[in-house]
Amino acid sequence: MVQLDTGPEKEYITHSSYEYRKKLGQFFTPPVIANFMVEWVVDNRQQINLLDPALGLGIFFRSITEKYPSLVRDFVFTGYDIDREMVQKSKTILLPEHLHLTLKNEDYLTTDWKTRYDGIICNPPYLKFHDYATKDCLLDIFKQREMKLSGFTNIYSLFLLKSLQQLKPGGRMSYIVPSEFLNADYGRAVKKYLLESGMLRYAIVIDFSTEVFENVLTTALILLLANDSDSEGVEFINIHKLDDLTRVKSYLQNETTSIKLGHVVPMKDLEPQKKWRMYYKGLKHKQYHNLVPFSRYVNVSRGIATGANEYFTFSRRKREEHRIPETCLLPCLTKAQDARKHFFTQDDFVNLVERNRDVYLLNAQNASEDENVQRYLTFGQELGIDQRYLTSHRKPWYSIENRPPAPILVTVFNRSGLRFVKNEVGVYNLTAFHSIYFKEEVLSRRRLLMAYLITDVAREIFADSRREYGGGLKKFEPNDLNNGYVIDLDVIDSTSAEEIDRLYCQLRNLEIDGRESDQVYNEVKVRMNEIFLEFLE
């Protein structure tokens, strides 16, 4: 993790709560990144009017005054921030430098789209759209500019899109944002507008094992843009530590070099509807044969969303405390850690019950005459559970989504790769797992498919579809899996299928007996992986 050891940002973090900073999406830029971003913009030597749309404590403007003391009097600085305290502190810090400075305690997204700037440098707030106070106003503003954006679009993307329209010809811009939009569904529109602008020159992806911002798991992507005629391609550059920025800086300053530091993709070949991780990570499935979309065999959907897990889920002790009858509860996996193996059995469920884990889900729709259930529903209303976002859109508010138990579950978040779980008990599942339902054509071969899903090669190929966060955290949405690739079961001959089935049964028995650490368990898994590889290579 990159820490802010000194300076105004460190002092502010020390004296402000994490909850407050998270509410406003405040994550401060480390100085080494700020200096790099500033150099891309100011070294252009054409900059006069400079903008920071999310000022914070003015680290970009401070970097300019330190690195270019002989030039700062020629610049005009403009900064926006919705946090009044930030603006006041920035004035105190920056005004002694005698800068041409205008700091505005306003929402950048809802004010002044007409002014153009020679240079824009920004670390925008990282906020989900529905958490933003002026979201309804934003919808109208972006719609007026014929920008059709998903409701899942993160606010940082809106900052980027507005800045694209405010950069003067000949100007440069640098943004640091999460790389999530490169691979997320909502990012398609953002990438489309980026390509249409023709301004993107470099996408510098900071390795996902590096936590760039203090106390937050987010990816980091530095976008370098220029409003000039050199729009033939975008260079994707991976760095594994922030010290590598020095090497990238030298590379950018030597524009005549014929050896590229990263992977250059012609602008015409960049497709907004595709995940762009293929341009900086490569695609594992391209090296294999006999693959088909996972959606050929299954439908993947998210688990049940309650809107208030702490209220709707029960342990044995909580059930006894509120005297909720078992007929009004459904067996349910609520946390990924409660199913750590590939097979979830009745014994596993009983063990969770005995350990007082939350393994029941309230199902109160048919309990109108049970006094204890009615008392608990009244308690929920007193807590305001019925007024939460999801519950307020349901009738009745305590109803649950109609999602049958899935035969296979798969973890949503992971660090070591996907974990597919055979649901042998028929329990329901919350959103810690996605639900996998077989299509009719694969029912007779569902065990063969499950055997493939627990192999290393399956996890490797699915990795093409993942989304990545800081600290090595990975996530899969349902469509990431639906659109991922698996082996074409039709190419597996009957003799091989029989051997796979035998190994699969052996693996299951070993796992149920708790022998995953045995050498024979690993040997069985390796052999099963080898058989599938014979049909993939």
Protein backbone atom coordinates (compact mmCIF):
# COMPACT_ATOMS: atom_id res chain seq x y z
CA MET A 1 0.00 0.00 0.00
CA VAL A 2 1.19 3.52 -0.80
CA GLN A 3 0.93 5.64 2.32
CA LEU A 4 0.76 9.39 2.68
CA ASP A 5 3.46 9.87 5.29
CA THR A 6 3.49 13.65 5.37
CA GLY A 7 1.69 16.71 4.12
CA PRO A 8 -1.83 18.12 4.37
CA GLU A 9 -3.45 14.89 3.19
CA LYS A 10 -1.92 12.85 5.98
CA GLU A 11 -3.01 15.42 8.55
CA TYR A 12 -6.53 15.48 7.13
CA ILE A 13 -6.81 11.68 7.22
CA THR A 14 -5.66 11.70 10.84
CA HIS A 15 -8.35 14.18 11.88
CA SER A 16 -11.30 13.03 9.75
CA SER A 17 -13.33 9.83 9.85
CA TYR A 18 -13.05 7.18 7.18
CA GLU A 19 -16.86 7.10 6.94
CA TYR A 20 -16.96 10.81 6.05
CA ARG A 21 -14.24 10.47 3.41
CA LYS A 22 -15.93 7.40 1.93
CA LYS A 23 -19.27 9.22 1.77
CA LEU A 24 -17.69 11.92 -0.41
CA GLY A 25 -15.46 9.51 -2.34
CA GLN A 26 -12.27 11.15 -1.08
CA PHE A 27 -9.14 9.12 -1.79
CA PHE A 28 -5.95 11.15 -1.94
CA THR A 29 -3.36 10.88 -4.71
CA PRO A 30 0.12 9.78 -3.59
CA PRO A 31 2.76 12.44 -4.47
CA VAL A 32 4.67 10.12 -6.84
CA ILE A 33 1.53 9.72 -8.96
CA ALA A 34 0.60 13.39 -8.72
CA ASN A 35 4.05 14.41 -9.99
CA PHE A 36 3.81 11.98 -12.90
CA MET A 37 0.37 13.20 -13.93
CA VAL A 38 1.41 16.84 -13.68
CA GLU A 39 4.47 16.29 -15.87
CA TRP A 40 2.38 14.86 -18.73
CA VAL A 41 0.22 17.99 -18.75
CA VAL A 42 2.74 20.76 -18.02
CA ASP A 43 5.60 19.39 -20.12
CA ASN A 44 3.39 20.08 -23.11
CA ARG A 45 4.46 23.72 -22.66
CA GLN A 46 1.18 24.91 -24.14
CA GLN A 47 -0.72 25.14 -20.87
CA ILE A 48 -2.05 28.39 -19.47
CA ASN A 49 -5.47 27.63 -18.02
CA LEU A 50 -5.30 24.58 -15.75
CA LEU A 51 -8.25 22.82 -14.16
CA ASP A 52 -8.59 20.36 -11.28
CA PRO A 53 -12.26 19.25 -11.19
CA ALA A 54 -11.86 17.49 -7.81
CA LEU A 55 -9.45 19.71 -5.92
CA GLY A 56 -9.13 17.97 -2.58
CA LEU A 57 -6.19 19.66 -0.86
CA GLY A 58 -4.67 20.80 -4.13
CA ILE A 59 -1.91 18.22 -4.50
CA PHE A 60 -1.70 18.70 -8.28
CA PHE A 61 -1.41 22.47 -8.03
CA ARG A 62 1.14 22.08 -5.21
CA SER A 63 3.15 19.71 -7.38
CA ILE A 64 3.22 22.27 -10.20
CA THR A 65 4.44 25.06 -7.92
CA GLU A 66 7.23 22.81 -6.61
CA LYS A 67 8.34 21.37 -9.97
CA TYR A 68 7.89 24.47 -12.16
CA PRO A 69 8.55 27.51 -9.93
CA SER A 70 9.59 29.67 -12.88
CA LEU A 71 6.39 28.96 -14.81
CA VAL A 72 3.64 29.12 -12.22
CA ARG A 73 3.07 32.86 -12.52
CA ASP A 74 2.03 32.30 -16.13
CA PHE A 75 -0.66 29.78 -15.21
CA VAL A 76 -4.26 30.33 -14.23
CA PHE A 77 -5.49 27.66 -11.81
CA THR A 78 -9.14 26.69 -11.34
CA GLY A 79 -10.31 24.06 -8.86
CA TYR A 80 -13.68 22.61 -7.83
CA ASP A 81 -14.69 20.72 -4.70
CA ILE A 82 -18.06 20.15 -3.01
CA ASP A 83 -16.40 19.95 0.43
CA ARG A 84 -16.26 23.48 1.83
CA GLU A 85 -13.55 22.54 4.32
CA MET A 86 -11.37 21.25 1.48
CA VAL A 87 -11.70 24.49 -0.43
CA GLN A 88 -10.86 26.61 2.62
CA LYS A 89 -7.82 24.50 3.49
CA SER A 90 -6.61 24.60 -0.12
CA LYS A 91 -6.85 28.39 -0.18
CA THR A 92 -4.74 28.56 2.96
CA ILE A 93 -2.16 26.21 1.47
CA LEU A 94 -2.00 27.62 -2.07
CA LEU A 95 -2.57 31.38 -1.79
CA PRO A 96 0.81 32.11 -0.22
CA GLU A 97 2.29 30.96 -3.53
CA HIS A 98 0.74 34.05 -5.16
CA LEU A 99 -0.94 31.96 -7.83
CA HIS A 100 -3.61 33.08 -10.27
CA LEU A 101 -6.07 30.93 -8.38
CA THR A 102 -9.84 30.44 -8.45
CA LEU A 103 -11.24 27.80 -6.10
CA LYS A 104 -14.96 27.03 -6.21
CA ASN A 105 -17.01 25.26 -3.57
CA GLU A 106 -19.32 23.83 -6.25
CA ASP A 107 -20.22 20.52 -7.88
CA TYR A 108 -18.10 20.32 -11.01
CA LEU A 109 -20.60 18.06 -12.77
CA THR A 110 -23.51 20.48 -12.55
CA THR A 111 -21.74 23.76 -13.31
CA ASP A 112 -20.17 25.48 -16.33
CA TRP A 113 -19.74 23.17 -19.31
CA LYS A 114 -18.66 26.01 -21.61
CA THR A 115 -15.20 26.99 -20.33
CA ARG A 116 -12.32 25.25 -22.07
CA TYR A 117 -8.94 24.55 -20.49
CA ASP A 118 -5.41 23.98 -21.77
CA GLY A 119 -4.72 21.33 -19.16
CA ILE A 120 -6.89 19.18 -16.87
CA ILE A 121 -5.56 17.01 -14.02
CA CYS A 122 -7.91 15.03 -11.83
CA ASN A 123 -8.41 12.32 -9.22
CA PRO A 124 -12.23 12.27 -9.25
CA PRO A 125 -14.41 10.96 -6.40
CA TYR A 126 -15.15 7.24 -6.45
CA LEU A 127 -18.87 7.05 -5.79
CA LYS A 128 -21.67 4.87 -7.06
CA PHE A 129 -24.24 6.85 -9.00
CA HIS A 130 -27.12 6.21 -6.57
CA ASP A 131 -24.98 7.56 -3.68
CA TYR A 132 -24.52 10.94 -5.36
CA ALA A 133 -26.71 13.74 -3.99
CA THR A 134 -27.49 15.34 -7.37
CA LYS A 135 -28.00 12.13 -9.36
CA ASP A 136 -31.38 13.19 -10.78
CA CYS A 137 -29.94 16.47 -12.03
CA LEU A 138 -26.99 14.63 -13.57
CA LEU A 139 -29.28 12.38 -15.58
CA ASP A 140 -30.82 15.42 -17.24
CA ILE A 141 -27.47 17.13 -17.86
CA PHE A 142 -25.86 14.15 -19.58
CA LYS A 143 -29.03 13.29 -21.47
CA GLN A 144 -29.06 16.80 -22.94
CA ARG A 145 -25.63 16.05 -24.36
CA GLU A 146 -26.89 12.81 -25.88
CA MET A 147 -24.83 10.68 -23.50
CA LYS A 148 -26.70 7.46 -22.78
CA LEU A 149 -25.23 6.09 -19.57
CA SER A 150 -26.09 3.15 -17.37
CA GLY A 151 -27.45 3.76 -13.86
CA PHE A 152 -24.50 1.70 -12.62
CA THR A 153 -22.00 4.22 -13.97
CA ASN A 154 -19.60 5.38 -11.27
CA ILE A 155 -19.33 9.12 -10.72
CA TYR A 156 -15.64 9.16 -11.65
CA SER A 157 -16.65 8.26 -15.22
CA LEU A 158 -18.90 11.33 -15.42
CA PHE A 159 -16.02 13.58 -14.38
CA LEU A 160 -13.92 12.08 -17.16
CA LEU A 161 -16.63 12.49 -19.80
CA LYS A 162 -17.24 16.13 -18.91
CA SER A 163 -13.53 16.91 -18.96
CA LEU A 164 -13.24 15.46 -22.46
CA GLN A 165 -15.57 18.23 -23.61
CA GLN A 166 -13.60 20.94 -21.82
CA LEU A 167 -10.11 20.23 -23.15
CA LYS A 168 -8.91 22.79 -25.70
CA PRO A 169 -7.29 21.77 -28.99
CA GLY A 170 -3.61 21.18 -28.31
CA GLY A 171 -4.28 20.60 -24.62
CA ARG A 172 -3.47 17.61 -22.43
CA MET A 173 -5.28 15.82 -19.66
CA SER A 174 -4.38 13.23 -17.03
CA TYR A 175 -6.87 11.30 -14.90
CA ILE A 176 -6.42 8.60 -12.31
CA VAL A 177 -9.44 6.33 -11.95
CA PRO A 178 -10.24 2.71 -11.09
CA SER A 179 -9.69 0.42 -14.06
CA GLU A 180 -13.07 -1.21 -13.42
CA PHE A 181 -14.83 0.60 -16.26
CA LEU A 182 -12.49 -1.02 -18.81
CA ASN A 183 -14.15 -4.37 -18.12
CA ALA A 184 -17.55 -3.51 -16.63
CA ASP A 185 -20.83 -3.44 -18.54
CA TYR A 186 -21.49 0.21 -17.68
CA GLY A 187 -18.04 1.05 -19.08
CA ARG A 188 -19.10 0.34 -22.66
CA ALA A 189 -20.62 3.79 -23.05
CA VAL A 190 -17.63 5.45 -21.35
CA LYS A 191 -15.19 3.67 -23.68
CA LYS A 192 -17.36 4.62 -26.66
CA TYR A 193 -17.12 8.33 -25.82
CA LEU A 194 -13.40 8.02 -25.13
CA LEU A 195 -12.85 6.54 -28.58
CA GLU A 196 -15.07 9.08 -30.27
CA SER A 197 -13.06 11.89 -28.67
CA GLY A 198 -9.85 10.46 -30.16
CA MET A 199 -7.91 11.83 -27.16
CA LEU A 200 -6.77 8.71 -25.30
CA ARG A 201 -3.04 8.13 -25.76
CA TYR A 202 -1.87 5.96 -22.84
CA ALA A 203 -3.59 3.71 -20.32
CA ILE A 204 -1.18 2.90 -17.50
CA VAL A 205 -2.51 0.01 -15.44
CA ILE A 206 -1.07 -0.29 -11.94
CA ASP A 207 -0.70 -3.93 -10.91
CA PHE A 208 -3.71 -5.11 -8.94
CA SER A 209 -1.66 -6.39 -6.02
CA THR A 210 -0.74 -2.77 -5.29
CA GLU A 211 -3.09 -0.73 -3.11
CA VAL A 212 -2.57 2.79 -4.37
CA PHE A 213 -4.99 4.56 -2.07
CA GLU A 214 -4.82 4.26 1.69
CA ASN A 215 -7.49 2.07 3.32
CA VAL A 216 -9.38 1.29 0.11
CA LEU A 217 -9.38 -1.69 -2.23
CA THR A 218 -9.58 -0.19 -5.69
CA THR A 219 -7.67 -0.65 -8.89
CA ALA A 220 -5.67 2.21 -10.32
CA LEU A 221 -5.49 3.36 -13.91
CA ILE A 222 -3.72 6.50 -15.12
CA LEU A 223 -5.18 7.86 -18.34
CA LEU A 224 -3.06 10.26 -20.38
CA LEU A 225 -4.99 12.17 -23.03
CA ALA A 226 -4.21 14.78 -25.65
CA ASN A 227 -6.47 16.83 -27.89
CA ASP A 228 -4.23 16.70 -30.92
CA SER A 229 -4.08 14.94 -34.28
CA ASP A 230 -1.98 11.98 -33.10
CA SER A 231 -4.88 9.59 -32.58
CA GLU A 232 -3.73 6.44 -34.33
CA GLY A 233 -3.50 4.17 -31.30
CA VAL A 234 -3.63 3.69 -27.55
CA GLU A 235 -0.69 2.20 -25.65
CA PHE A 236 -1.52 -0.01 -22.67
CA ILE A 237 1.33 -0.13 -20.15
CA ASN A 238 1.44 -2.38 -17.07
CA ILE A 239 3.47 -1.36 -14.05
CA HIS A 240 4.02 -3.50 -10.97
CA LYS A 241 5.19 -0.86 -8.52
CA LEU A 242 4.93 2.90 -8.40
CA ASP A 243 8.68 3.29 -8.81
CA ASP A 244 8.12 2.08 -12.39
CA LEU A 245 6.55 5.47 -13.16
CA THR A 246 10.07 6.88 -13.43
CA ARG A 247 10.75 4.46 -16.28
CA VAL A 248 7.44 5.36 -17.93
CA LYS A 249 8.24 9.07 -17.61
CA SER A 250 11.57 8.61 -19.40
CA TYR A 251 9.84 6.57 -22.09
CA LEU A 252 7.22 9.27 -22.69
CA GLN A 253 9.88 11.95 -22.97
CA ASN A 254 11.71 9.95 -25.66
CA GLU A 255 8.98 10.07 -28.29
CA THR A 256 11.26 8.89 -31.09
CA THR A 257 11.90 5.43 -29.62
CA SER A 258 10.85 2.57 -31.86
CA ILE A 259 10.63 0.03 -29.02
CA LYS A 260 7.30 0.26 -27.27
CA LEU A 261 7.07 -0.07 -23.52
CA GLY A 262 3.54 -1.44 -23.66
CA HIS A 263 1.04 -2.87 -26.10
CA VAL A 264 -0.19 -0.45 -28.77
CA VAL A 265 -3.68 -1.02 -30.13
CA PRO A 266 -4.82 0.96 -33.19
CA MET A 267 -7.77 3.18 -32.33
CA LYS A 268 -9.89 1.52 -35.02
CA ASP A 269 -9.36 -1.91 -33.39
CA LEU A 270 -10.54 -0.89 -29.93
CA GLU A 271 -14.07 -2.15 -29.37
CA PRO A 272 -16.07 -0.55 -26.52
CA GLN A 273 -18.35 -3.57 -26.08
CA LYS A 274 -15.42 -5.85 -25.24
CA LYS A 275 -13.45 -6.08 -22.00
CA TRP A 276 -10.27 -4.11 -22.50
CA ARG A 277 -8.24 -6.30 -20.15
CA MET A 278 -7.50 -8.31 -23.30
CA TYR A 279 -5.27 -5.43 -24.42
CA TYR A 280 -3.09 -5.33 -21.32
CA LYS A 281 -3.37 -8.85 -19.88
CA GLY A 282 -3.99 -11.02 -22.92
CA LEU A 283 -6.64 -13.74 -23.16
CA LYS A 284 -5.94 -17.20 -21.76
CA HIS A 285 -8.68 -18.88 -23.78
CA LYS A 286 -7.00 -17.89 -27.05
CA GLN A 287 -4.34 -20.54 -26.49
CA TYR A 288 -6.90 -23.35 -26.22
CA HIS A 289 -9.21 -25.16 -28.65
CA ASN A 290 -12.67 -26.73 -28.41
CA LEU A 291 -14.20 -24.03 -26.25
CA VAL A 292 -17.82 -22.85 -26.20
CA PRO A 293 -19.60 -20.11 -24.23
CA PHE A 294 -20.67 -21.23 -20.76
CA SER A 295 -24.16 -19.95 -21.62
CA ARG A 296 -24.53 -22.89 -24.04
CA TYR A 297 -24.97 -25.15 -21.02
CA VAL A 298 -26.18 -22.97 -18.15
CA ASN A 299 -27.80 -19.77 -17.04
CA VAL A 300 -25.95 -17.84 -14.35
CA SER A 301 -27.82 -15.37 -12.15
CA ARG A 302 -26.99 -13.55 -8.94
CA GLY A 303 -28.08 -14.83 -5.57
CA ILE A 304 -31.00 -13.51 -3.52
CA ALA A 305 -30.66 -9.87 -2.50
CA THR A 306 -32.55 -9.14 0.72
CA GLY A 307 -31.70 -5.47 1.20
CA ALA A 308 -31.00 -6.15 4.89
CA ASN A 309 -29.17 -9.41 5.50
CA GLU A 310 -28.78 -8.77 9.20
CA TYR A 311 -32.58 -8.70 9.53
CA PHE A 312 -33.67 -11.42 7.10
CA THR A 313 -31.09 -14.07 8.03
CA PHE A 314 -31.20 -16.26 11.13
CA SER A 315 -28.93 -18.48 13.13
CA ARG A 316 -30.37 -21.22 15.32
CA ARG A 317 -30.03 -19.02 18.39
CA LYS A 318 -31.75 -16.06 16.72
CA ARG A 319 -34.55 -18.33 15.48
CA GLU A 320 -35.15 -19.63 19.00
CA GLU A 321 -34.97 -16.13 20.48
CA HIS A 322 -37.72 -14.83 18.19
CA ARG A 323 -39.58 -18.17 18.13
CA ILE A 324 -39.80 -18.22 14.34
CA PRO A 325 -41.23 -21.56 13.13
CA GLU A 326 -39.05 -23.56 10.76
CA THR A 327 -41.87 -23.48 8.21
CA CYS A 328 -41.17 -19.74 7.83
CA LEU A 329 -37.44 -20.20 7.23
CA LEU A 330 -35.49 -21.44 4.22
CA PRO A 331 -32.07 -23.13 4.46
CA CYS A 332 -29.63 -20.66 2.95
CA LEU A 333 -25.92 -20.02 2.41
CA THR A 334 -25.35 -16.41 3.35
CA LYS A 335 -21.54 -16.12 3.27
CA ALA A 336 -18.93 -17.53 0.90
CA GLN A 337 -16.80 -18.75 3.79
CA ASP A 338 -19.56 -21.18 4.80
CA ALA A 339 -18.93 -23.36 1.72
CA ARG A 340 -15.18 -23.65 1.32
CA LYS A 341 -15.16 -26.96 -0.58
CA HIS A 342 -16.49 -28.12 -3.95
CA PHE A 343 -19.29 -30.19 -2.41
CA PHE A 344 -21.82 -28.87 0.11
CA THR A 345 -23.58 -31.72 1.90
CA GLN A 346 -26.24 -32.19 4.56
CA ASP A 347 -23.50 -32.76 7.13
CA ASP A 348 -21.96 -29.41 6.19
CA PHE A 349 -25.29 -27.67 6.72
CA VAL A 350 -25.86 -29.33 10.11
CA ASN A 351 -22.36 -28.30 11.13
CA LEU A 352 -23.15 -24.66 10.31
CA VAL A 353 -26.36 -24.86 12.32
CA GLU A 354 -24.51 -26.25 15.33
CA ARG A 355 -21.90 -23.49 15.02
CA ASN A 356 -24.73 -20.94 15.17
CA ARG A 357 -24.00 -19.54 11.70
CA ASP A 358 -26.63 -17.57 9.80
CA VAL A 359 -28.06 -20.35 7.65
CA TYR A 360 -31.77 -19.52 7.51
CA LEU A 361 -33.65 -16.99 5.39
CA LEU A 362 -36.96 -15.50 6.51
CA ASN A 363 -39.90 -16.54 4.34
CA ALA A 364 -42.85 -14.77 5.95
CA GLN A 365 -45.29 -14.43 3.08
CA ASN A 366 -47.43 -17.36 4.22
CA ALA A 367 -47.25 -16.65 7.94
CA SER A 368 -50.11 -14.20 8.39
CA GLU A 369 -51.49 -16.05 11.42
CA ASP A 370 -48.25 -16.70 13.29
CA GLU A 371 -47.98 -14.20 16.13
CA ASN A 372 -44.21 -14.50 16.49
CA VAL A 373 -43.61 -13.81 12.81
CA GLN A 374 -45.98 -10.84 12.88
CA ARG A 375 -44.20 -9.50 15.95
CA TYR A 376 -40.87 -9.82 14.12
CA LEU A 377 -42.23 -8.00 11.06
CA THR A 378 -43.44 -5.18 13.29
CA PHE A 379 -39.96 -5.07 14.81
CA GLY A 380 -38.56 -4.72 11.28
CA GLN A 381 -40.79 -1.74 10.59
CA GLU A 382 -39.67 -0.12 13.83
CA LEU A 383 -36.09 -0.51 12.62
CA GLY A 384 -37.00 1.04 9.28
CA ILE A 385 -36.17 -2.12 7.32
CA ASP A 386 -39.29 -1.63 5.20
CA GLN A 387 -37.99 1.79 4.07
CA ARG A 388 -34.69 0.59 2.65
CA TYR A 389 -34.11 0.78 -1.07
CA LEU A 390 -34.85 -2.84 -2.04
CA THR A 391 -37.56 -3.52 0.53
CA SER A 392 -39.45 -0.33 -0.29
CA HIS A 393 -39.84 -1.55 -3.87
CA ARG A 394 -41.37 -4.89 -2.87
CA LYS A 395 -44.95 -5.81 -2.10
CA PRO A 396 -45.08 -6.82 0.66
CA TRP A 397 -41.79 -5.33 1.78
CA TYR A 398 -40.70 -8.56 3.47
CA SER A 399 -41.18 -10.76 0.41
CA ILE A 400 -38.08 -12.45 -1.01
CA GLU A 401 -37.03 -12.94 -4.60
CA ASN A 402 -38.39 -16.04 -6.28
CA ARG A 403 -35.12 -17.83 -7.04
CA PRO A 404 -35.09 -21.62 -6.68
CA PRO A 405 -32.07 -23.39 -5.17
CA ALA A 406 -29.33 -23.75 -7.77
CA PRO A 407 -27.54 -27.07 -8.37
CA ILE A 408 -24.18 -25.28 -8.58
CA LEU A 409 -23.02 -22.18 -6.76
CA VAL A 410 -19.97 -20.06 -7.53
CA THR A 411 -18.22 -17.43 -5.45
CA VAL A 412 -18.60 -13.78 -6.52
CA PHE A 413 -15.37 -12.43 -4.98
CA ASN A 414 -12.08 -14.25 -4.71
CA ARG A 415 -8.34 -13.83 -4.66
CA SER A 416 -7.20 -17.29 -5.69
CA GLY A 417 -9.72 -18.05 -8.45
CA LEU A 418 -13.32 -19.14 -8.82
CA ARG A 419 -14.76 -21.77 -6.49
CA PHE A 420 -17.63 -23.82 -7.88
CA VAL A 421 -19.72 -25.63 -5.26
CA LYS A 422 -22.05 -28.57 -5.89
CA ASN A 423 -25.19 -27.79 -3.90
CA GLU A 424 -26.13 -31.30 -2.81
CA VAL A 425 -28.57 -30.10 -0.13
CA GLY A 426 -30.63 -27.75 -2.25
CA VAL A 427 -30.05 -24.70 -0.05
CA TYR A 428 -30.86 -21.19 -1.22
CA ASN A 429 -28.08 -18.62 -1.52
CA LEU A 430 -27.60 -14.90 -1.05
CA THR A 431 -25.43 -12.67 -3.23
CA ALA A 432 -22.12 -14.00 -1.89
CA PHE A 433 -22.68 -16.69 -4.52
CA HIS A 434 -24.03 -16.67 -8.05
CA SER A 435 -26.53 -19.36 -8.97
CA ILE A 436 -25.89 -21.73 -11.88
CA TYR A 437 -28.86 -23.49 -13.49
CA PHE A 438 -28.42 -26.23 -16.07
CA LYS A 439 -30.05 -26.04 -19.47
CA GLU A 440 -31.94 -29.11 -20.58
CA GLU A 441 -29.38 -30.23 -23.16
CA VAL A 442 -26.66 -30.70 -20.53
CA LEU A 443 -28.69 -32.41 -17.80
CA SER A 444 -27.42 -35.88 -18.72
CA ARG A 445 -23.82 -34.59 -18.61
CA ARG A 446 -24.05 -32.26 -15.63
CA ARG A 447 -21.57 -34.31 -13.59
CA LEU A 448 -19.04 -34.14 -16.44
CA LEU A 449 -19.48 -30.37 -16.55
CA MET A 450 -19.06 -30.06 -12.79
CA ALA A 451 -15.90 -32.14 -13.00
CA TYR A 452 -14.49 -29.69 -15.54
CA LEU A 453 -15.45 -26.65 -13.46
CA ILE A 454 -13.31 -27.71 -10.52
CA THR A 455 -10.14 -28.09 -12.60
CA ASP A 456 -7.30 -25.59 -12.72
CA VAL A 457 -7.64 -25.10 -16.47
CA ALA A 458 -11.30 -24.09 -16.08
CA ARG A 459 -10.39 -21.42 -13.55
CA GLU A 460 -7.55 -20.21 -15.77
CA ILE A 461 -9.83 -19.76 -18.78
CA PHE A 462 -12.58 -18.07 -16.76
CA ALA A 463 -9.98 -15.57 -15.53
CA ASP A 464 -10.35 -13.75 -18.87
CA SER A 465 -13.76 -12.54 -17.72
CA ARG A 466 -12.92 -11.30 -14.24
CA ARG A 467 -12.99 -7.80 -12.86
CA GLU A 468 -10.14 -6.78 -10.62
CA TYR A 469 -9.85 -4.61 -7.56
CA GLY A 470 -6.96 -3.50 -5.37
CA GLY A 471 -5.12 -6.02 -3.24
CA GLY A 472 -5.61 -8.78 -5.80
CA LEU A 473 -9.37 -9.03 -5.21
CA LYS A 474 -11.30 -10.39 -8.20
CA LYS A 475 -15.02 -10.32 -9.00
CA PHE A 476 -17.31 -12.01 -11.50
CA GLU A 477 -20.76 -10.74 -12.42
CA PRO A 478 -23.29 -13.24 -13.80
CA ASN A 479 -22.75 -12.16 -17.41
CA ASP A 480 -18.97 -12.38 -16.96
CA LEU A 481 -19.54 -16.10 -16.42
CA ASN A 482 -22.31 -16.52 -18.98
CA ASN A 483 -19.99 -15.04 -21.61
CA GLY A 484 -16.93 -16.95 -20.39
CA TYR A 485 -15.67 -20.11 -22.08
CA VAL A 486 -15.75 -23.79 -21.09
CA ILE A 487 -14.79 -27.01 -22.82
CA ASP A 488 -17.09 -28.30 -25.55
CA LEU A 489 -18.43 -31.46 -23.90
CA ASP A 490 -19.20 -32.96 -27.31
CA VAL A 491 -15.50 -33.50 -28.04
CA ILE A 492 -14.97 -35.78 -25.02
CA ASP A 493 -15.20 -39.44 -26.00
CA SER A 494 -17.07 -41.98 -23.86
CA THR A 495 -13.93 -43.71 -22.56
CA SER A 496 -12.46 -40.43 -21.31
CA ALA A 497 -15.83 -39.39 -19.88
CA GLU A 498 -15.97 -42.61 -17.87
CA GLU A 499 -12.49 -42.05 -16.46
CA ILE A 500 -13.34 -38.46 -15.58
CA ASP A 501 -16.49 -39.65 -13.81
CA ARG A 502 -14.52 -42.20 -11.80
CA LEU A 503 -11.96 -39.55 -10.78
CA TYR A 504 -14.74 -37.09 -9.97
CA CYS A 505 -16.43 -39.55 -7.60
CA GLN A 506 -13.07 -40.33 -5.98
CA LEU A 507 -12.36 -36.64 -5.53
CA ARG A 508 -15.78 -36.09 -3.95
CA ASN A 509 -15.30 -38.93 -1.47
CA LEU A 510 -11.84 -37.70 -0.49
CA GLU A 511 -13.11 -34.17 0.04
CA ILE A 512 -16.09 -35.25 2.10
CA ASP A 513 -13.71 -37.28 4.26
CA GLY A 514 -11.65 -34.13 4.80
CA ARG A 515 -8.63 -35.42 2.93
CA GLU A 516 -7.96 -32.44 0.64
CA SER A 517 -4.38 -32.22 1.89
CA ASP A 518 -3.64 -35.86 1.03
CA GLN A 519 -1.26 -36.49 -1.85
CA VAL A 520 -3.79 -38.81 -3.49
CA TYR A 521 -6.33 -35.95 -3.60
CA ASN A 522 -3.88 -33.77 -5.50
CA GLU A 523 -2.95 -36.64 -7.81
CA VAL A 524 -6.61 -37.23 -8.69
CA LYS A 525 -7.18 -33.55 -9.38
CA VAL A 526 -4.05 -33.29 -11.51
CA ARG A 527 -5.06 -36.34 -13.55
CA MET A 528 -8.56 -34.96 -14.14
CA ASN A 529 -7.05 -31.69 -15.28
CA GLU A 530 -4.71 -33.54 -17.66
CA ILE A 531 -7.57 -35.40 -19.34
CA PHE A 532 -9.47 -32.20 -20.07
CA LEU A 533 -6.28 -30.56 -21.35
CA GLU A 534 -5.91 -33.32 -23.94
CA PHE A 535 -9.08 -32.03 -25.59
CA LEU A 536 -8.20 -28.36 -25.21
CA GLU A 537 -4.64 -28.22 -26.54
